[in-house]
Protein backbone atom coordinates (compact mmCIF):
# COMPACT_ATOMS: atom_id res chain seq x y z
CA MET A 1 9.38 -5.79 10.59
CA VAL A 2 6.28 -4.18 9.07
CA SER A 3 5.68 -5.87 5.36
CA PRO A 4 2.95 -5.60 2.97
CA GLY A 5 1.53 -9.15 4.07
CA GLY A 6 1.00 -8.09 7.65
CA SER A 7 4.10 -6.90 10.67
CA ALA A 8 4.15 -10.69 12.92
CA PRO A 9 3.12 -14.06 12.76
CA ALA A 10 -0.82 -14.56 13.04
CA PRO A 11 -2.77 -14.34 16.04
CA SER A 12 -4.95 -16.77 17.67
CA ASP A 13 -7.78 -14.88 16.48
CA ASP A 14 -6.46 -14.56 12.75
CA PRO A 15 -9.07 -14.83 10.12
CA ASP A 16 -9.46 -17.73 7.36
CA ILE A 17 -7.34 -15.41 4.74
CA ALA A 18 -9.53 -15.50 1.44
CA ALA A 19 -6.68 -16.21 -0.67
CA ALA A 20 -4.25 -17.95 1.10
CA GLY A 21 -2.01 -20.04 -0.96
CA ALA A 22 -2.62 -17.86 -3.76
CA PRO A 23 0.60 -16.45 -5.99
CA GLY A 24 0.02 -13.05 -4.52
CA GLN A 25 2.58 -10.52 -6.02
CA LEU A 26 3.28 -13.28 -9.00
CA THR A 27 -0.50 -13.23 -9.73
CA GLY A 28 -0.61 -13.08 -13.78
CA HIS A 29 -1.95 -9.67 -15.68
CA ALA A 30 -1.90 -8.11 -18.54
CA ALA A 31 -0.29 -4.91 -17.43
CA THR A 32 2.58 -3.18 -19.26
CA ARG A 33 5.78 -2.53 -17.66
CA VAL A 34 6.61 1.18 -17.84
CA THR A 35 8.53 3.88 -16.61
CA LEU A 36 6.93 7.30 -15.06
CA PRO A 37 8.70 10.31 -14.20
CA GLY A 38 9.26 10.84 -10.35
CA ALA A 39 10.44 14.38 -9.07
CA GLU A 40 13.99 13.04 -8.48
CA GLY A 41 13.96 10.14 -11.85
CA GLU A 42 12.19 7.58 -12.97
CA LEU A 43 9.86 5.15 -11.03
CA ALA A 44 8.97 1.58 -12.31
CA GLY A 45 5.63 0.94 -12.94
CA LEU A 46 2.47 -1.85 -13.97
CA ASP A 47 -0.05 0.20 -16.23
CA THR A 48 -2.77 -1.09 -17.81
CA GLY A 49 -3.69 1.66 -19.99
CA GLY A 50 -6.42 3.41 -21.40
CA ALA A 51 -7.04 7.00 -21.33
CA GLY A 52 -10.37 7.12 -18.95
CA PRO A 53 -10.48 7.07 -14.85
CA THR A 54 -7.17 6.41 -13.35
CA ALA A 55 -6.02 4.91 -10.36
CA LEU A 56 -2.54 5.49 -9.05
CA LEU A 57 -1.51 2.72 -6.54
CA VAL A 58 1.51 3.48 -4.27
CA PRO A 59 2.90 0.34 -1.84
CA GLY A 60 4.24 0.22 1.69
CA PHE A 61 7.45 -0.25 3.27
CA THR A 62 9.44 -3.00 1.84
CA GLY A 63 6.68 -3.23 -0.71
CA SER A 64 6.73 -3.15 -4.59
CA LYS A 65 4.18 -2.30 -7.16
CA GLU A 66 3.50 -6.07 -7.77
CA ASP A 67 1.44 -6.11 -4.18
CA PHE A 68 -1.24 -4.89 -6.21
CA ALA A 69 -0.76 -7.60 -8.91
CA PRO A 70 -3.89 -9.30 -8.05
CA LEU A 71 -6.17 -6.01 -8.73
CA LEU A 72 -4.78 -5.03 -12.12
CA ASP A 73 -6.93 -7.00 -14.51
CA PRO A 74 -10.23 -6.81 -12.70
CA LEU A 75 -9.81 -2.99 -12.09
CA ALA A 76 -8.88 -2.88 -15.87
CA GLY A 77 -11.57 -5.10 -16.66
CA ALA A 78 -14.18 -2.24 -15.00
CA GLY A 79 -12.75 0.21 -17.16
CA LEU A 80 -10.37 1.96 -15.11
CA ARG A 81 -6.47 2.72 -15.92
CA ALA A 82 -4.85 1.11 -13.13
CA VAL A 83 -1.16 2.52 -12.47
CA ALA A 84 1.08 0.80 -9.58
CA VAL A 85 4.62 2.14 -8.81
CA ASP A 86 7.79 1.46 -6.84
CA GLN A 87 8.26 4.40 -4.73
CA ARG A 88 12.02 6.06 -5.30
CA GLY A 89 14.22 3.29 -3.83
CA GLN A 90 11.84 0.39 -3.93
CA HIS A 91 12.73 -2.87 -6.19
CA GLU A 92 13.15 -1.47 -9.36
CA SER A 93 12.82 2.14 -8.92
CA ALA A 94 16.38 3.73 -8.62
CA GLY A 95 16.83 6.36 -5.42
CA PRO A 96 19.36 8.41 -3.87
CA GLU A 97 22.07 7.08 -1.42
CA ASP A 98 20.96 9.88 1.00
CA GLU A 99 18.19 8.81 4.15
CA THR A 100 17.04 12.21 4.60
CA ARG A 101 15.40 12.31 0.84
CA TYR A 102 12.88 9.56 2.02
CA SER A 103 10.80 11.36 4.04
CA VAL A 104 7.17 11.10 3.73
CA ASP A 105 6.89 14.75 2.12
CA GLU A 106 9.79 14.14 -0.61
CA LEU A 107 8.30 10.62 -1.62
CA ALA A 108 5.12 12.93 -1.94
CA THR A 109 6.83 14.81 -4.71
CA ASP A 110 7.02 11.63 -6.59
CA LEU A 111 3.83 11.20 -6.59
CA VAL A 112 2.55 14.46 -7.90
CA ALA A 113 4.91 14.31 -10.51
CA VAL A 114 3.50 10.99 -11.58
CA GLY A 115 -0.27 12.17 -10.98
CA GLN A 116 0.66 15.32 -13.44
CA ALA A 117 1.64 13.00 -15.73
CA LEU A 118 -1.16 10.64 -15.73
CA ARG A 119 -3.86 13.94 -15.46
CA ALA A 120 -2.41 14.64 -18.80
CA GLN A 121 -2.76 11.59 -20.40
CA GLY A 122 -6.31 10.82 -19.09
CA SER A 123 -9.40 12.11 -19.48
CA GLY A 124 -11.41 10.69 -16.25
CA PRO A 125 -10.70 10.95 -12.79
CA LEU A 126 -7.38 10.66 -10.95
CA HIS A 127 -7.88 8.30 -7.84
CA LEU A 128 -4.85 8.35 -5.40
CA LEU A 129 -4.69 4.74 -3.38
CA GLY A 130 -1.70 4.18 -0.81
CA HIS A 131 -1.10 1.27 0.92
CA SER A 132 0.42 1.25 4.64
CA PHE A 133 3.13 3.64 4.45
CA GLY A 134 2.18 4.32 1.05
CA GLY A 135 -1.12 5.79 2.24
CA LEU A 136 1.03 8.14 4.24
CA VAL A 137 2.66 9.15 1.33
CA ALA A 138 -0.38 9.59 -0.67
CA ARG A 139 -2.17 11.53 2.14
CA ALA A 140 1.01 14.28 2.13
CA ALA A 141 0.68 14.45 -1.92
CA VAL A 142 -3.19 15.24 -1.41
CA LEU A 143 -1.91 17.99 0.98
CA ALA A 144 0.53 19.36 -1.30
CA GLU A 145 -1.58 19.22 -4.43
CA PRO A 146 -5.36 19.03 -3.30
CA GLY A 147 -6.92 19.81 -6.58
CA LEU A 148 -5.01 16.71 -8.67
CA PHE A 149 -6.78 14.05 -7.34
CA ASP A 150 -10.16 13.56 -7.15
CA THR A 151 -10.15 10.87 -4.21
CA LEU A 152 -7.98 9.29 -2.16
CA THR A 153 -7.66 5.76 -0.68
CA LEU A 154 -5.79 5.25 2.95
CA LEU A 155 -5.57 1.22 2.61
CA ASP A 156 -4.41 -0.24 6.05
CA SER A 157 -3.16 2.97 6.78
CA GLY A 158 -3.22 5.24 9.95
CA PRO A 159 -3.74 8.63 11.10
CA ALA A 160 0.04 9.07 12.41
CA GLU A 161 3.28 7.18 13.30
CA ILE A 162 2.99 3.39 13.47
CA THR A 163 3.12 1.92 17.21
CA GLY A 164 2.79 -0.91 19.18
CA SER A 165 4.85 -4.20 18.55
CA SER A 166 6.07 -3.35 14.84
CA THR A 167 8.02 -0.04 16.25
CA GLU A 168 10.07 -2.79 18.76
CA LEU A 169 10.77 -4.60 15.15
CA ILE A 170 11.82 -1.56 13.07
CA ALA A 171 14.36 -0.67 15.29
CA HIS A 172 16.00 -3.94 14.57
CA LEU A 173 16.20 -2.64 10.89
CA ALA A 174 19.21 -0.19 10.93
CA PRO A 175 21.74 -2.82 12.81
CA LEU A 176 20.67 -5.39 10.61
CA LEU A 177 21.39 -3.27 7.64
CA ASP A 178 25.05 -1.87 9.41
CA VAL A 179 26.14 -5.44 9.58
CA GLY A 180 24.80 -7.37 6.37
CA GLY A 181 22.97 -4.65 4.54
CA THR A 182 19.78 -5.82 2.32
CA ASP A 183 20.82 -9.39 1.92
CA LEU A 184 20.75 -9.90 5.75
CA LEU A 185 17.38 -8.03 6.56
CA ALA A 186 15.51 -10.23 3.77
CA SER A 187 17.09 -13.42 5.36
CA THR A 188 15.87 -11.97 8.91
CA LEU A 189 12.57 -11.41 7.43
CA GLY A 190 12.60 -14.98 5.70
CA GLU A 191 13.30 -15.99 9.13
CA LEU A 192 10.35 -14.46 10.63
CA TRP A 193 7.79 -15.03 8.07
CA ALA A 194 8.65 -18.73 8.38
CA THR A 195 6.95 -18.34 11.75
CA ASP A 196 3.46 -17.28 10.38
CA PRO A 197 0.89 -19.67 9.37
CA VAL A 198 -0.43 -17.78 6.51
CA ARG A 199 2.87 -17.28 5.05
CA ALA A 200 3.69 -20.70 5.68
CA VAL A 201 1.12 -21.82 2.57
CA THR A 202 2.43 -18.87 0.70
CA PRO A 203 3.87 -20.45 -2.64
CA ALA A 204 7.71 -20.56 -2.43
CA GLU A 205 8.20 -18.68 -5.29
CA THR A 206 6.09 -15.72 -4.13
CA THR A 207 7.86 -15.84 -0.68
CA ALA A 208 11.27 -15.67 -2.74
CA PHE A 209 10.05 -13.01 -5.13
CA ARG A 210 9.24 -10.66 -2.08
CA LEU A 211 12.53 -11.09 -0.32
CA GLU A 212 14.38 -10.46 -3.48
CA VAL A 213 12.45 -7.27 -3.41
CA VAL A 214 13.90 -6.31 -0.23
CA ARG A 215 17.37 -6.99 -0.97
CA ARG A 216 16.95 -4.87 -4.43
CA SER A 217 15.52 -2.09 -2.50
CA SER A 218 17.80 0.81 -1.48
CA ALA A 219 19.55 0.63 2.15
CA ALA A 220 19.39 4.43 2.42
CA GLY A 221 15.50 4.51 1.27
CA LEU A 222 14.96 1.65 4.21
CA ARG A 223 16.50 3.58 6.73
CA GLY A 224 14.67 6.79 5.49
CA MET A 225 11.08 5.01 5.33
CA SER A 226 11.42 3.39 8.77
CA GLN A 227 12.25 6.77 10.41
CA ALA A 228 9.51 8.26 8.69
CA LEU A 229 6.88 5.47 9.76
CA VAL A 230 8.01 6.13 13.25
CA THR A 231 7.53 9.72 13.44
CA GLU A 232 4.60 10.95 11.16
CA PRO A 233 2.66 13.45 12.79
CA ASP A 234 -1.16 12.98 12.73
CA ARG A 235 -2.60 15.34 9.97
CA VAL A 236 -6.05 13.96 9.87
CA ALA A 237 -7.25 17.37 10.56
CA GLU A 238 -5.29 19.05 7.60
CA LEU A 239 -6.80 16.13 5.26
CA ALA A 240 -10.32 16.58 6.20
CA ALA A 241 -9.75 20.56 5.43
CA THR A 242 -9.03 20.05 1.76
CA GLY A 243 -12.24 18.15 0.89
CA VAL A 244 -11.18 15.65 -1.20
CA PRO A 245 -12.78 12.51 -0.71
CA VAL A 246 -11.48 9.57 1.59
CA LEU A 247 -12.19 6.20 1.49
CA VAL A 248 -10.76 4.13 4.51
CA ALA A 249 -10.57 0.72 3.88
CA HIS A 250 -8.62 -2.01 5.94
CA GLY A 251 -8.39 -5.61 6.83
CA VAL A 252 -10.46 -7.02 9.62
CA ALA A 253 -7.14 -8.09 11.72
CA ASP A 254 -4.75 -5.33 10.35
CA ASP A 255 -1.89 -6.13 12.58
CA ALA A 256 -0.04 -2.76 11.84
CA TRP A 257 -2.58 -0.15 12.75
CA THR A 258 -5.36 -1.17 14.58
CA PRO A 259 -8.71 -1.47 12.89
CA ALA A 260 -10.19 0.78 15.92
CA ALA A 261 -7.37 3.67 15.01
CA GLN A 262 -8.43 3.28 11.49
CA ALA A 263 -12.28 3.53 12.55
CA ASP A 264 -11.73 6.61 14.39
CA MET A 265 -9.42 8.11 11.48
CA ALA A 266 -12.56 7.49 8.97
CA ALA A 267 -14.92 9.38 11.69
CA ARG A 268 -12.85 12.34 12.03
CA LEU A 269 -12.26 12.70 8.32
CA GLY A 270 -16.14 12.19 7.86
CA ALA A 271 -14.96 9.76 5.33
CA ARG A 272 -16.23 6.19 4.10
CA HIS A 273 -15.16 3.14 5.86
CA ALA A 274 -14.99 -0.60 4.39
CA VAL A 275 -13.45 -3.57 6.42
CA ILE A 276 -12.45 -6.16 4.48
CA ALA A 277 -13.04 -9.87 5.95
CA ARG A 278 -10.65 -12.62 5.71
CA ALA A 279 -7.75 -10.32 5.42
CA ARG A 280 -4.99 -8.68 7.79
CA HIS A 281 -2.65 -5.95 6.45
CA SER A 282 -2.81 -6.48 2.58
CA PRO A 283 -6.20 -7.03 1.22
CA ALA A 284 -5.12 -6.79 -2.15
CA VAL A 285 -3.40 -10.02 -1.93
CA GLU A 286 -5.18 -11.89 0.95
CA ASN A 287 -8.61 -10.89 -0.28
CA PRO A 288 -8.40 -9.54 -3.70
CA ASP A 289 -11.97 -9.81 -4.69
CA SER A 290 -13.50 -8.27 -1.75
CA THR A 291 -10.68 -5.20 -2.25
CA VAL A 292 -11.98 -4.88 -5.55
CA ASP A 293 -15.30 -4.69 -4.78
CA VAL A 294 -14.95 -1.86 -1.99
CA LEU A 295 -12.70 0.00 -4.55
CA LEU A 296 -14.85 -0.04 -7.24
CA SER A 297 -18.14 0.92 -4.87
CA PHE A 298 -16.03 4.12 -4.11
CA TRP A 299 -14.66 5.30 -7.51
CA THR A 300 -17.25 4.42 -9.80
CA GLY A 301 -20.46 3.65 -7.60
CA THR A 302 -20.80 -0.06 -8.13
CA PRO A 303 -22.27 -1.43 -4.98
CA ALA A 304 -20.53 -3.43 -2.86
CA PRO A 305 -21.79 -6.39 -0.90
CA ALA A 306 -23.51 -5.75 2.42
CA GLN A 307 -23.00 -2.20 1.18
CA HIS A 308 -23.32 0.54 4.32
CA ASP A 309 -21.60 3.27 6.04
CA GLU A 310 -19.58 1.02 7.87
CA GLN A 311 -19.29 -2.11 5.71
CA THR A 312 -17.60 -5.27 6.18
CA VAL A 313 -17.15 -6.84 2.60
CA GLY A 314 -16.23 -10.51 1.74
CA ALA A 315 -17.54 -12.25 4.66
CA GLN A 316 -18.65 -15.98 4.50
CA SER A 317 -22.30 -16.34 4.66
C-alpha cells in the first residue's frame, strides 16, 4: 500500500534515514488548527500565519496535513506562511461518499479554492507543493489555474500513474475495505509496516497516529484516490506549457516512483531537480532539515548545500 513513509519494506540498499526514530508527524510546532474553504466543503488545515509568501502543502494517499509537521516551524522561521491541508476525505476533512468525487481533477478544485482564499489574504508569492499523490493533484490545480500559483513543487511524485509493486498492493485495497472497512485496512498496514526496519524505530505513538489517520479517512475517498493513482495520464507536456516554475524533488531511495522516472520528468519540464539524501518516499519526515534547505533554495533563493542543477542535499560528508 502506498503511504507517506514508503510503499514497501526497506530494500537492502536503503539509506540511513536521517530522522529515523524522530516523532515525524507528531513533531511539535506552533501552527494553528484552521479550516479552509474547499470547492465542496471545508478542509482541515495547519497554518503558521503571516501575510507574506505562502506555501500550500498537500499530502499524498493515506496521508494527512501532519506529514509536513517537521517543516512548519522552520518554514515560518524563514519568513513563509506554511499552510498544510487534509485533502477531502482525509483524516479531519469530510468528503462525499461517492468515490467518483475523488478524481485528480475533482480534488484539484479544492486546491484552487484554497489557493484563491490564500491569495486574497497574502501579499507575496503563493507556492504549491504536492507530495506523492498530492503532487498529481497539485499539478492538476496548476493546469486548471496556472496564474494562481507562482511555483509548483512535486515532492516524490511522478509523471503519470504509479507502477511496479505499488500497483499490486493498491489492488488489495478495495477487497480489504469491502470486508472490514478502514479498520481492517489500518490493521493490515500496521502489519506491513512492522516488517520495515526503518519503521521499526518509529515511535509507537507516531505509528498509532498514522494508522488512526487511515481509520478516520473516507472509504469512498480511499477507493477513488487509489483508482486515480493507477490511472493518471502523463501530463508533463501540459504542465511545461504553463510556464509555471517547477521543482522536482525526491528522496534518493524513493520506492514509489523511481528516482530515474522523476529525473526524466524534471528534464522534460526543464525544471529544477533535487535529490534528498538519507530519505526514501517522505523526505519531510525522513530528512526534514535537508528538505527545508531544498524548498527555501527554490522559493526564496537561499543557497542549499552542494547546490547545482541536479543536487543531492543532506549527504553525509
